[in-house]
Amino acid sequence: MTLVARLELSVVPVSGRWHVLIAGGNVAVTHTQREAIAIARPLARKHRLELVIHDRRGQIRARDSHGYDSPRRKG
């Protein structure tokens, strides 16, 4: 059995600002979620990563796969 590591690029709120994170490290910090998404989406496409966008409460608002799609996942 082969395990595939899935890296995610996340847009999360931290102390009133929006952070773009990968594997727990900061890529960018912006004032608005829209700016953070504009930075994160091209990076996710380029590096074939899953983009996870959180809302102000930290709940997952949207997921966008730009690379690995599990063969077990329908759709």
C-alpha atoms as a PDB file:
ATOM      1  CA  MET A   1       0.000   0.000   0.000  1.00  0.00           C
ATOM      2  CA  THR A   2       1.362   3.413  -0.975  1.00  0.00           C
ATOM      3  CA  LEU A   3       0.520   6.501   1.015  1.00  0.00           C
ATOM      4  CA  VAL A   4       0.311   9.815  -0.797  1.00  0.00           C
ATOM      5  CA  ALA A   5       1.074  12.928   1.233  1.00  0.00           C
ATOM      6  CA  ARG A   6      -1.446  15.646   0.468  1.00  0.00           C
ATOM      7  CA  LEU A   7      -0.230  19.155   1.007  1.00  0.00           C
ATOM      8  CA  GLU A   8      -2.834  21.832   1.452  1.00  0.00           C
ATOM      9  CA  LEU A   9      -2.578  25.547   0.934  1.00  0.00           C
ATOM     10  CA  SER A  10      -4.880  27.237   3.438  1.00  0.00           C
ATOM     11  CA  VAL A  11      -6.378  30.716   3.738  1.00  0.00           C
ATOM     12  CA  VAL A  12      -7.096  31.311   7.435  1.00  0.00           C
ATOM     13  CA  PRO A  13      -7.917  34.253   9.712  1.00  0.00           C
ATOM     14  CA  VAL A  14      -5.359  35.042  12.430  1.00  0.00           C
ATOM     15  CA  SER A  15      -5.675  38.093  14.706  1.00  0.00           C
ATOM     16  CA  GLY A  16      -7.713  40.159  12.262  1.00  0.00           C
ATOM     17  CA  ARG A  17      -5.563  39.414   9.221  1.00  0.00           C
ATOM     18  CA  TRP A  18      -5.670  36.701   6.565  1.00  0.00           C
ATOM     19  CA  HIS A  19      -2.787  34.260   6.304  1.00  0.00           C
ATOM     20  CA  VAL A  20      -1.861  31.976   3.428  1.00  0.00           C
ATOM     21  CA  LEU A  21      -0.346  28.852   5.009  1.00  0.00           C
ATOM     22  CA  ILE A  22       1.313  25.706   3.731  1.00  0.00           C
ATOM     23  CA  ALA A  23       2.341  22.911   6.106  1.00  0.00           C
ATOM     24  CA  GLY A  24       1.955  25.304   9.045  1.00  0.00           C
ATOM     25  CA  GLY A  25       4.269  27.978   7.632  1.00  0.00           C
ATOM     26  CA  ASN A  26       3.275  31.441   6.449  1.00  0.00           C
ATOM     27  CA  VAL A  27       3.439  32.219   2.760  1.00  0.00           C
ATOM     28  CA  ALA A  28       1.723  35.615   2.960  1.00  0.00           C
ATOM     29  CA  VAL A  29      -0.273  37.884   5.284  1.00  0.00           C
ATOM     30  CA  THR A  30      -2.948  40.263   3.961  1.00  0.00           C
ATOM     31  CA  HIS A  31      -5.676  42.536   5.271  1.00  0.00           C
ATOM     32  CA  THR A  32      -8.516  40.917   3.322  1.00  0.00           C
ATOM     33  CA  GLN A  33      -9.584  37.393   2.511  1.00  0.00           C
ATOM     34  CA  ARG A  34      -9.942  38.357  -1.149  1.00  0.00           C
ATOM     35  CA  GLU A  35      -6.259  39.363  -1.315  1.00  0.00           C
ATOM     36  CA  ALA A  36      -5.220  36.115   0.394  1.00  0.00           C
ATOM     37  CA  ILE A  37      -7.239  34.030  -2.072  1.00  0.00           C
ATOM     38  CA  ALA A  38      -5.736  35.977  -4.995  1.00  0.00           C
ATOM     39  CA  ILE A  39      -2.274  34.980  -3.725  1.00  0.00           C
ATOM     40  CA  ALA A  40      -3.169  31.383  -2.815  1.00  0.00           C
ATOM     41  CA  ARG A  41      -5.088  30.249  -5.919  1.00  0.00           C
ATOM     42  CA  PRO A  42      -2.220  30.651  -8.460  1.00  0.00           C
ATOM     43  CA  LEU A  43       0.185  28.981  -6.008  1.00  0.00           C
ATOM     44  CA  ALA A  44      -2.201  26.046  -5.582  1.00  0.00           C
ATOM     45  CA  ARG A  45      -2.496  25.684  -9.365  1.00  0.00           C
ATOM     46  CA  LYS A  46       1.256  25.948  -9.937  1.00  0.00           C
ATOM     47  CA  HIS A  47       2.163  23.403  -7.261  1.00  0.00           C
ATOM     48  CA  ARG A  48      -0.925  21.201  -7.749  1.00  0.00           C
ATOM     49  CA  LEU A  49      -2.163  21.596  -4.179  1.00  0.00           C
ATOM     50  CA  GLU A  50      -5.536  21.471  -2.474  1.00  0.00           C
ATOM     51  CA  LEU A  51      -6.706  25.002  -1.626  1.00  0.00           C
ATOM     52  CA  VAL A  52      -8.701  25.216   1.618  1.00  0.00           C
ATOM     53  CA  ILE A  53     -10.456  28.515   2.351  1.00  0.00           C
ATOM     54  CA  HIS A  54     -11.718  29.191   5.884  1.00  0.00           C
ATOM     55  CA  ASP A  55     -14.310  31.737   7.013  1.00  0.00           C
ATOM     56  CA  ARG A  56     -13.867  34.272   9.837  1.00  0.00           C
ATOM     57  CA  ARG A  57     -14.795  31.668  12.463  1.00  0.00           C
ATOM     58  CA  GLY A  58     -12.174  29.234  11.157  1.00  0.00           C
ATOM     59  CA  GLN A  59     -14.711  26.860   9.570  1.00  0.00           C
ATOM     60  CA  ILE A  60     -13.906  25.490   6.123  1.00  0.00           C
ATOM     61  CA  ARG A  61     -15.809  27.589   3.597  1.00  0.00           C
ATOM     62  CA  ALA A  62     -14.547  26.015   0.384  1.00  0.00           C
ATOM     63  CA  ARG A  63     -12.093  23.453  -1.001  1.00  0.00           C
ATOM     64  CA  ASP A  64     -10.583  23.603  -4.439  1.00  0.00           C
ATOM     65  CA  SER A  65      -8.447  20.749  -5.738  1.00  0.00           C
ATOM     66  CA  HIS A  66      -5.669  21.741  -8.110  1.00  0.00           C
ATOM     67  CA  GLY A  67      -3.834  18.475  -8.140  1.00  0.00           C
ATOM     68  CA  TYR A  68      -4.241  15.153  -6.413  1.00  0.00           C
ATOM     69  CA  ASP A  69      -7.778  13.769  -6.522  1.00  0.00           C
ATOM     70  CA  SER A  70      -8.290  10.568  -4.608  1.00  0.00           C
ATOM     71  CA  PRO A  71      -9.502   7.729  -6.833  1.00  0.00           C
ATOM     72  CA  ARG A  72     -11.951   6.866  -4.035  1.00  0.00           C
ATOM     73  CA  ARG A  73     -13.642  10.244  -4.253  1.00  0.00           C
ATOM     74  CA  LYS A  74     -16.650  10.489  -6.569  1.00  0.00           C
ATOM     75  CA  GLY A  75     -17.147  13.500  -8.788  1.00  0.00           C
END
